[in-house]
Amino acid sequence: MTEQEWETATTPKPMLEFLRGKASDRKLRLFAVACCRRIWGWIAHEECRQAILVSEQYADGETTLQECDAAGDAVSLISDTSTDFVVVASSCAVGWATSTGPEEWDAATWSLLSAMESAAYHAALVHEDQSPEQAEQADCLRDIFGNPFRPVVVDPVWLTFTVVALAKGIDSDRASDRMPILADALQDAGCNNADILHHCRSEEPHVRGCWVVDLLLGKE
């Protein structure tokens, strides 16, 4: 994959293949969650919503594997008698969250792709076309991973109290509306990196695991 192909991809599949062996488990888990959150309004079962929330928390070490497994078991009871794509998506998201290590890559990748595709399939039931949802998923993937062809190194000078506090708040509160404020704070701290500032001020989707926020908080 070239840089131009990464920037213009309208489906996440080739992007994920490019990231194979390069991406952290955490970021891939958060991408699975982001796909499910995009169909949040269509998720009727509380057990499915809880599984997605627990998967997100587990990705950042905010809950235990046992709690994640329990959430997955609750969804499994529903998925045994349901073919609803939102149930499948949430079940696969929690399945991805509990698959770790390169020896489980195939099973974990299946869960990730199934969560992604199930979310797109459900959207297609409403819009009669998967393409718009797949394009949104590709945008989410770019938000999480940035441009892998142009890695950015944070300058410690940028990490003022205000910048770090804003980044933590955006991360914990899912407050993407504060991203432009973060850009202003970064500029005040001396940051002139065009990629960072543009991303903070863009109207592109910002999800948990956003590459700029992660960069500032030292997360991978």
C-alpha atoms as a PDB file:
ATOM      1  CA  MET A   1       0.000   0.000   0.000  1.00  0.00           C
ATOM      2  CA  THR A   2       1.245   3.489  -0.870  1.00  0.00           C
ATOM      3  CA  GLU A   3       0.714   6.660   1.126  1.00  0.00           C
ATOM      4  CA  GLN A   4      -1.815   7.900  -1.426  1.00  0.00           C
ATOM      5  CA  GLU A   5      -3.736   4.620  -1.243  1.00  0.00           C
ATOM      6  CA  TRP A   6      -3.807   4.901   2.553  1.00  0.00           C
ATOM      7  CA  GLU A   7      -5.104   8.464   2.419  1.00  0.00           C
ATOM      8  CA  THR A   8      -7.813   7.733  -0.173  1.00  0.00           C
ATOM      9  CA  ALA A   9      -8.949   4.228   0.828  1.00  0.00           C
ATOM     10  CA  THR A  10     -12.722   3.941   1.104  1.00  0.00           C
ATOM     11  CA  THR A  11     -12.763   0.536   2.788  1.00  0.00           C
ATOM     12  CA  PRO A  12     -10.708  -0.523   5.824  1.00  0.00           C
ATOM     13  CA  LYS A  13      -9.819  -4.045   4.676  1.00  0.00           C
ATOM     14  CA  PRO A  14      -6.655  -3.221   2.669  1.00  0.00           C
ATOM     15  CA  MET A  15      -5.614  -0.776   5.377  1.00  0.00           C
ATOM     16  CA  LEU A  16      -5.879  -3.465   8.045  1.00  0.00           C
ATOM     17  CA  GLU A  17      -3.872  -5.841   5.896  1.00  0.00           C
ATOM     18  CA  PHE A  18      -1.174  -3.181   5.577  1.00  0.00           C
ATOM     19  CA  LEU A  19      -1.161  -2.760   9.370  1.00  0.00           C
ATOM     20  CA  ARG A  20      -0.757  -6.468  10.009  1.00  0.00           C
ATOM     21  CA  GLY A  21       2.203  -6.959  12.311  1.00  0.00           C
ATOM     22  CA  LYS A  22       2.601  -3.185  12.758  1.00  0.00           C
ATOM     23  CA  ALA A  23      -0.457  -2.271  14.842  1.00  0.00           C
ATOM     24  CA  SER A  24      -0.871  -2.641  18.585  1.00  0.00           C
ATOM     25  CA  ASP A  25      -3.610  -4.884  19.949  1.00  0.00           C
ATOM     26  CA  ARG A  26      -5.017  -1.886  21.815  1.00  0.00           C
ATOM     27  CA  LYS A  27      -5.568   0.228  18.734  1.00  0.00           C
ATOM     28  CA  LEU A  28      -7.125  -2.646  16.801  1.00  0.00           C
ATOM     29  CA  ARG A  29      -9.478  -3.340  19.704  1.00  0.00           C
ATOM     30  CA  LEU A  30     -10.481   0.298  19.786  1.00  0.00           C
ATOM     31  CA  PHE A  31     -11.161   0.203  16.055  1.00  0.00           C
ATOM     32  CA  ALA A  32     -13.515  -2.765  16.543  1.00  0.00           C
ATOM     33  CA  VAL A  33     -15.291  -0.775  19.257  1.00  0.00           C
ATOM     34  CA  ALA A  34     -15.464   2.322  17.037  1.00  0.00           C
ATOM     35  CA  CYS A  35     -17.206   0.294  14.316  1.00  0.00           C
ATOM     36  CA  CYS A  36     -19.776  -0.897  16.830  1.00  0.00           C
ATOM     37  CA  ARG A  37     -20.277   2.568  18.293  1.00  0.00           C
ATOM     38  CA  ARG A  38     -21.206   3.798  14.834  1.00  0.00           C
ATOM     39  CA  ILE A  39     -24.348   1.636  15.013  1.00  0.00           C
ATOM     40  CA  TRP A  40     -24.974   2.374  18.699  1.00  0.00           C
ATOM     41  CA  GLY A  41     -28.479   3.711  18.097  1.00  0.00           C
ATOM     42  CA  TRP A  42     -29.551   0.404  16.581  1.00  0.00           C
ATOM     43  CA  ILE A  43     -28.316  -1.770  19.451  1.00  0.00           C
ATOM     44  CA  ALA A  44     -31.407  -2.886  21.346  1.00  0.00           C
ATOM     45  CA  HIS A  45     -29.884  -5.310  23.829  1.00  0.00           C
ATOM     46  CA  GLU A  46     -28.297  -3.774  26.909  1.00  0.00           C
ATOM     47  CA  GLU A  47     -25.980  -6.791  27.117  1.00  0.00           C
ATOM     48  CA  CYS A  48     -24.558  -5.871  23.704  1.00  0.00           C
ATOM     49  CA  ARG A  49     -23.982  -2.260  24.682  1.00  0.00           C
ATOM     50  CA  GLN A  50     -22.306  -3.359  27.890  1.00  0.00           C
ATOM     51  CA  ALA A  51     -20.029  -5.740  25.989  1.00  0.00           C
ATOM     52  CA  ILE A  52     -18.871  -2.923  23.731  1.00  0.00           C
ATOM     53  CA  LEU A  53     -18.238  -0.615  26.695  1.00  0.00           C
ATOM     54  CA  VAL A  54     -16.308  -3.321  28.551  1.00  0.00           C
ATOM     55  CA  SER A  55     -14.272  -4.068  25.425  1.00  0.00           C
ATOM     56  CA  GLU A  56     -13.317  -0.409  25.196  1.00  0.00           C
ATOM     57  CA  GLN A  57     -12.375  -0.298  28.863  1.00  0.00           C
ATOM     58  CA  TYR A  58     -10.357  -3.491  28.582  1.00  0.00           C
ATOM     59  CA  ALA A  59      -8.360  -2.060  25.704  1.00  0.00           C
ATOM     60  CA  ASP A  60      -7.031   0.637  28.036  1.00  0.00           C
ATOM     61  CA  GLY A  61      -6.602  -1.614  31.061  1.00  0.00           C
ATOM     62  CA  GLU A  62      -9.615  -0.156  32.863  1.00  0.00           C
ATOM     63  CA  THR A  63     -11.273  -3.512  33.536  1.00  0.00           C
ATOM     64  CA  THR A  64     -10.274  -7.141  33.942  1.00  0.00           C
ATOM     65  CA  LEU A  65     -10.213 -10.028  31.513  1.00  0.00           C
ATOM     66  CA  GLN A  66     -12.770 -11.786  33.723  1.00  0.00           C
ATOM     67  CA  GLU A  67     -15.230  -8.898  33.363  1.00  0.00           C
ATOM     68  CA  CYS A  68     -14.648  -8.876  29.621  1.00  0.00           C
ATOM     69  CA  ASP A  69     -15.264 -12.614  29.411  1.00  0.00           C
ATOM     70  CA  ALA A  70     -18.457 -12.266  31.454  1.00  0.00           C
ATOM     71  CA  ALA A  71     -19.733  -9.549  29.113  1.00  0.00           C
ATOM     72  CA  GLY A  72     -18.929 -11.758  26.148  1.00  0.00           C
ATOM     73  CA  ASP A  73     -20.790 -14.699  27.707  1.00  0.00           C
ATOM     74  CA  ALA A  74     -23.879 -12.519  28.174  1.00  0.00           C
ATOM     75  CA  VAL A  75     -23.858 -11.568  24.494  1.00  0.00           C
ATOM     76  CA  SER A  76     -23.231 -15.168  23.467  1.00  0.00           C
ATOM     77  CA  LEU A  77     -26.512 -16.192  25.074  1.00  0.00           C
ATOM     78  CA  ILE A  78     -28.285 -13.722  22.807  1.00  0.00           C
ATOM     79  CA  SER A  79     -26.265 -14.503  19.699  1.00  0.00           C
ATOM     80  CA  ASP A  80     -27.137 -18.199  20.029  1.00  0.00           C
ATOM     81  CA  THR A  81     -30.716 -17.342  19.041  1.00  0.00           C
ATOM     82  CA  SER A  82     -30.202 -14.172  17.013  1.00  0.00           C
ATOM     83  CA  THR A  83     -28.760 -13.384  13.602  1.00  0.00           C
ATOM     84  CA  ASP A  84     -29.089  -9.632  14.137  1.00  0.00           C
ATOM     85  CA  PHE A  85     -25.941  -8.014  12.763  1.00  0.00           C
ATOM     86  CA  VAL A  86     -25.653  -5.656  15.763  1.00  0.00           C
ATOM     87  CA  VAL A  87     -25.546  -8.672  18.088  1.00  0.00           C
ATOM     88  CA  VAL A  88     -22.908 -10.303  15.912  1.00  0.00           C
ATOM     89  CA  ALA A  89     -20.880  -7.081  15.823  1.00  0.00           C
ATOM     90  CA  SER A  90     -20.855  -6.627  19.606  1.00  0.00           C
ATOM     91  CA  SER A  91     -20.090 -10.311  20.145  1.00  0.00           C
ATOM     92  CA  CYS A  92     -17.146 -10.090  17.761  1.00  0.00           C
ATOM     93  CA  ALA A  93     -15.890  -6.871  19.339  1.00  0.00           C
ATOM     94  CA  VAL A  94     -15.680  -8.465  22.756  1.00  0.00           C
ATOM     95  CA  GLY A  95     -14.165 -11.555  21.122  1.00  0.00           C
ATOM     96  CA  TRP A  96     -11.419  -9.390  19.651  1.00  0.00           C
ATOM     97  CA  ALA A  97     -10.824  -7.724  23.006  1.00  0.00           C
ATOM     98  CA  THR A  98     -10.011 -11.024  24.683  1.00  0.00           C
ATOM     99  CA  SER A  99      -7.795 -12.360  21.877  1.00  0.00           C
ATOM    100  CA  THR A 100      -4.203 -11.381  22.514  1.00  0.00           C
ATOM    101  CA  GLY A 101      -0.787 -12.277  21.241  1.00  0.00           C
ATOM    102  CA  PRO A 102       0.510 -13.100  17.758  1.00  0.00           C
ATOM    103  CA  GLU A 103      -0.321 -16.804  18.200  1.00  0.00           C
ATOM    104  CA  GLU A 104      -4.019 -15.850  18.210  1.00  0.00           C
ATOM    105  CA  TRP A 105      -3.785 -13.432  15.271  1.00  0.00           C
ATOM    106  CA  ASP A 106      -6.028 -15.445  12.953  1.00  0.00           C
ATOM    107  CA  ALA A 107      -8.847 -15.816  15.483  1.00  0.00           C
ATOM    108  CA  ALA A 108      -8.496 -12.230  16.650  1.00  0.00           C
ATOM    109  CA  THR A 109      -8.471 -10.889  13.110  1.00  0.00           C
ATOM    110  CA  TRP A 110     -11.589 -12.874  12.304  1.00  0.00           C
ATOM    111  CA  SER A 111     -13.342 -11.236  15.245  1.00  0.00           C
ATOM    112  CA  LEU A 112     -12.147  -7.777  14.245  1.00  0.00           C
ATOM    113  CA  LEU A 113     -13.213  -8.151  10.623  1.00  0.00           C
ATOM    114  CA  SER A 114     -16.541  -9.668  11.661  1.00  0.00           C
ATOM    115  CA  ALA A 115     -17.282  -6.757  13.985  1.00  0.00           C
ATOM    116  CA  MET A 116     -16.422  -4.327  11.217  1.00  0.00           C
ATOM    117  CA  GLU A 117     -18.377  -6.153   8.517  1.00  0.00           C
ATOM    118  CA  SER A 118     -21.400  -6.830  10.725  1.00  0.00           C
ATOM    119  CA  ALA A 119     -21.635  -3.139  11.509  1.00  0.00           C
ATOM    120  CA  ALA A 120     -21.459  -2.318   7.800  1.00  0.00           C
ATOM    121  CA  TYR A 121     -24.021  -4.979   6.945  1.00  0.00           C
ATOM    122  CA  HIS A 122     -26.457  -3.558   9.478  1.00  0.00           C
ATOM    123  CA  ALA A 123     -25.996  -0.050   8.105  1.00  0.00           C
ATOM    124  CA  ALA A 124     -26.702  -1.455   4.645  1.00  0.00           C
ATOM    125  CA  LEU A 125     -30.096  -2.677   5.848  1.00  0.00           C
ATOM    126  CA  VAL A 126     -30.952   0.964   6.473  1.00  0.00           C
ATOM    127  CA  HIS A 127     -29.124   2.662   3.607  1.00  0.00           C
ATOM    128  CA  GLU A 128     -29.204  -0.229   1.085  1.00  0.00           C
ATOM    129  CA  ASP A 129     -25.484   0.221   0.492  1.00  0.00           C
ATOM    130  CA  GLN A 130     -22.428  -0.711   2.578  1.00  0.00           C
ATOM    131  CA  SER A 131     -20.100   1.698   0.804  1.00  0.00           C
ATOM    132  CA  PRO A 132     -20.834   4.840   2.912  1.00  0.00           C
ATOM    133  CA  GLU A 133     -20.352   2.911   6.156  1.00  0.00           C
ATOM    134  CA  GLN A 134     -17.141   1.304   4.927  1.00  0.00           C
ATOM    135  CA  ALA A 135     -15.826   4.757   4.011  1.00  0.00           C
ATOM    136  CA  GLU A 136     -16.638   6.005   7.515  1.00  0.00           C
ATOM    137  CA  GLN A 137     -14.825   3.008   8.982  1.00  0.00           C
ATOM    138  CA  ALA A 138     -11.781   3.838   6.859  1.00  0.00           C
ATOM    139  CA  ASP A 139     -11.888   7.386   8.268  1.00  0.00           C
ATOM    140  CA  CYS A 140     -12.043   5.972  11.811  1.00  0.00           C
ATOM    141  CA  LEU A 141      -9.020   3.821  11.068  1.00  0.00           C
ATOM    142  CA  ARG A 142      -7.091   6.877   9.857  1.00  0.00           C
ATOM    143  CA  ASP A 143      -8.119   8.731  13.025  1.00  0.00           C
ATOM    144  CA  ILE A 144      -6.702   5.953  15.176  1.00  0.00           C
ATOM    145  CA  PHE A 145      -3.506   5.282  13.225  1.00  0.00           C
ATOM    146  CA  GLY A 146      -2.819   8.614  11.563  1.00  0.00           C
ATOM    147  CA  ASN A 147      -0.519   8.417   8.553  1.00  0.00           C
ATOM    148  CA  PRO A 148       1.856   5.458   9.104  1.00  0.00           C
ATOM    149  CA  PHE A 149       4.017   6.796   6.278  1.00  0.00           C
ATOM    150  CA  ARG A 150       4.693   9.996   8.250  1.00  0.00           C
ATOM    151  CA  PRO A 151       5.256   9.091  11.899  1.00  0.00           C
ATOM    152  CA  VAL A 152       5.254  12.059  14.262  1.00  0.00           C
ATOM    153  CA  VAL A 153       7.455  12.369  17.349  1.00  0.00           C
ATOM    154  CA  VAL A 154       6.103  14.490  20.170  1.00  0.00           C
ATOM    155  CA  ASP A 155       8.301  17.331  21.429  1.00  0.00           C
ATOM    156  CA  PRO A 156       8.308  17.291  25.268  1.00  0.00           C
ATOM    157  CA  VAL A 157       7.995  21.095  25.147  1.00  0.00           C
ATOM    158  CA  TRP A 158       4.437  20.673  23.852  1.00  0.00           C
ATOM    159  CA  LEU A 159       3.386  18.696  26.908  1.00  0.00           C
ATOM    160  CA  THR A 160       2.290  21.604  29.052  1.00  0.00           C
ATOM    161  CA  PHE A 161      -0.147  21.112  31.909  1.00  0.00           C
ATOM    162  CA  THR A 162      -2.960  22.492  29.751  1.00  0.00           C
ATOM    163  CA  VAL A 163      -2.193  20.273  26.754  1.00  0.00           C
ATOM    164  CA  VAL A 164      -1.970  17.108  28.823  1.00  0.00           C
ATOM    165  CA  ALA A 165      -5.117  17.952  30.794  1.00  0.00           C
ATOM    166  CA  LEU A 166      -7.048  18.579  27.586  1.00  0.00           C
ATOM    167  CA  ALA A 167      -5.803  15.346  26.017  1.00  0.00           C
ATOM    168  CA  LYS A 168      -6.765  13.349  29.112  1.00  0.00           C
ATOM    169  CA  GLY A 169     -10.210  14.933  29.177  1.00  0.00           C
ATOM    170  CA  ILE A 170     -10.829  14.253  25.493  1.00  0.00           C
ATOM    171  CA  ASP A 171      -9.754  10.649  25.984  1.00  0.00           C
ATOM    172  CA  SER A 172     -11.742   9.890  29.141  1.00  0.00           C
ATOM    173  CA  ASP A 173     -14.859  11.890  28.263  1.00  0.00           C
ATOM    174  CA  ARG A 174     -14.937  11.028  24.560  1.00  0.00           C
ATOM    175  CA  ALA A 175     -15.043  14.810  24.091  1.00  0.00           C
ATOM    176  CA  SER A 176     -13.954  15.192  20.476  1.00  0.00           C
ATOM    177  CA  ASP A 177     -15.546  18.656  20.404  1.00  0.00           C
ATOM    178  CA  ARG A 178     -12.523  19.846  22.410  1.00  0.00           C
ATOM    179  CA  MET A 179     -10.037  18.911  19.682  1.00  0.00           C
ATOM    180  CA  PRO A 180      -9.861  22.471  18.233  1.00  0.00           C
ATOM    181  CA  ILE A 181      -9.161  23.773  21.743  1.00  0.00           C
ATOM    182  CA  LEU A 182      -6.358  21.233  21.997  1.00  0.00           C
ATOM    183  CA  ALA A 183      -4.937  22.586  18.727  1.00  0.00           C
ATOM    184  CA  ASP A 184      -4.881  26.111  20.175  1.00  0.00           C
ATOM    185  CA  ALA A 185      -3.169  24.887  23.347  1.00  0.00           C
ATOM    186  CA  LEU A 186      -0.584  23.007  21.299  1.00  0.00           C
ATOM    187  CA  GLN A 187       0.174  26.106  19.242  1.00  0.00           C
ATOM    188  CA  ASP A 188       0.559  28.123  22.435  1.00  0.00           C
ATOM    189  CA  ALA A 189       3.055  25.473  23.570  1.00  0.00           C
ATOM    190  CA  GLY A 190       5.096  25.902  20.389  1.00  0.00           C
ATOM    191  CA  CYS A 191       3.735  23.079  18.245  1.00  0.00           C
ATOM    192  CA  ASN A 192       3.819  23.923  14.548  1.00  0.00           C
ATOM    193  CA  ASN A 193       3.345  20.413  13.173  1.00  0.00           C
ATOM    194  CA  ALA A 194       0.836  20.817  10.341  1.00  0.00           C
ATOM    195  CA  ASP A 195      -0.413  17.216  10.505  1.00  0.00           C
ATOM    196  CA  ILE A 196      -1.243  17.473  14.207  1.00  0.00           C
ATOM    197  CA  LEU A 197      -2.883  20.880  14.028  1.00  0.00           C
ATOM    198  CA  HIS A 198      -4.886  20.010  10.914  1.00  0.00           C
ATOM    199  CA  HIS A 199      -6.142  16.780  12.452  1.00  0.00           C
ATOM    200  CA  CYS A 200      -7.242  18.519  15.637  1.00  0.00           C
ATOM    201  CA  ARG A 201      -9.182  21.133  13.666  1.00  0.00           C
ATOM    202  CA  SER A 202     -10.607  18.857  10.995  1.00  0.00           C
ATOM    203  CA  GLU A 203     -14.205  17.714  10.924  1.00  0.00           C
ATOM    204  CA  GLU A 204     -13.130  14.134  10.390  1.00  0.00           C
ATOM    205  CA  PRO A 205     -14.354  11.610  12.991  1.00  0.00           C
ATOM    206  CA  HIS A 206     -12.448  11.449  16.271  1.00  0.00           C
ATOM    207  CA  VAL A 207     -12.794   8.234  18.258  1.00  0.00           C
ATOM    208  CA  ARG A 208     -11.199   6.672  21.330  1.00  0.00           C
ATOM    209  CA  GLY A 209      -7.606   5.974  20.353  1.00  0.00           C
ATOM    210  CA  CYS A 210      -7.208   9.101  18.166  1.00  0.00           C
ATOM    211  CA  TRP A 211      -3.558   9.194  17.097  1.00  0.00           C
ATOM    212  CA  VAL A 212      -2.952  12.771  18.253  1.00  0.00           C
ATOM    213  CA  VAL A 213      -4.434  12.218  21.705  1.00  0.00           C
ATOM    214  CA  ASP A 214      -2.539   8.935  22.040  1.00  0.00           C
ATOM    215  CA  LEU A 215       0.682  10.630  20.945  1.00  0.00           C
ATOM    216  CA  LEU A 216       0.331  13.279  23.643  1.00  0.00           C
ATOM    217  CA  LEU A 217      -0.546  10.723  26.326  1.00  0.00           C
ATOM    218  CA  GLY A 218       2.188   8.287  25.334  1.00  0.00           C
ATOM    219  CA  LYS A 219      -0.244   5.514  24.369  1.00  0.00           C
ATOM    220  CA  GLU A 220       0.336   3.036  21.563  1.00  0.00           C
END
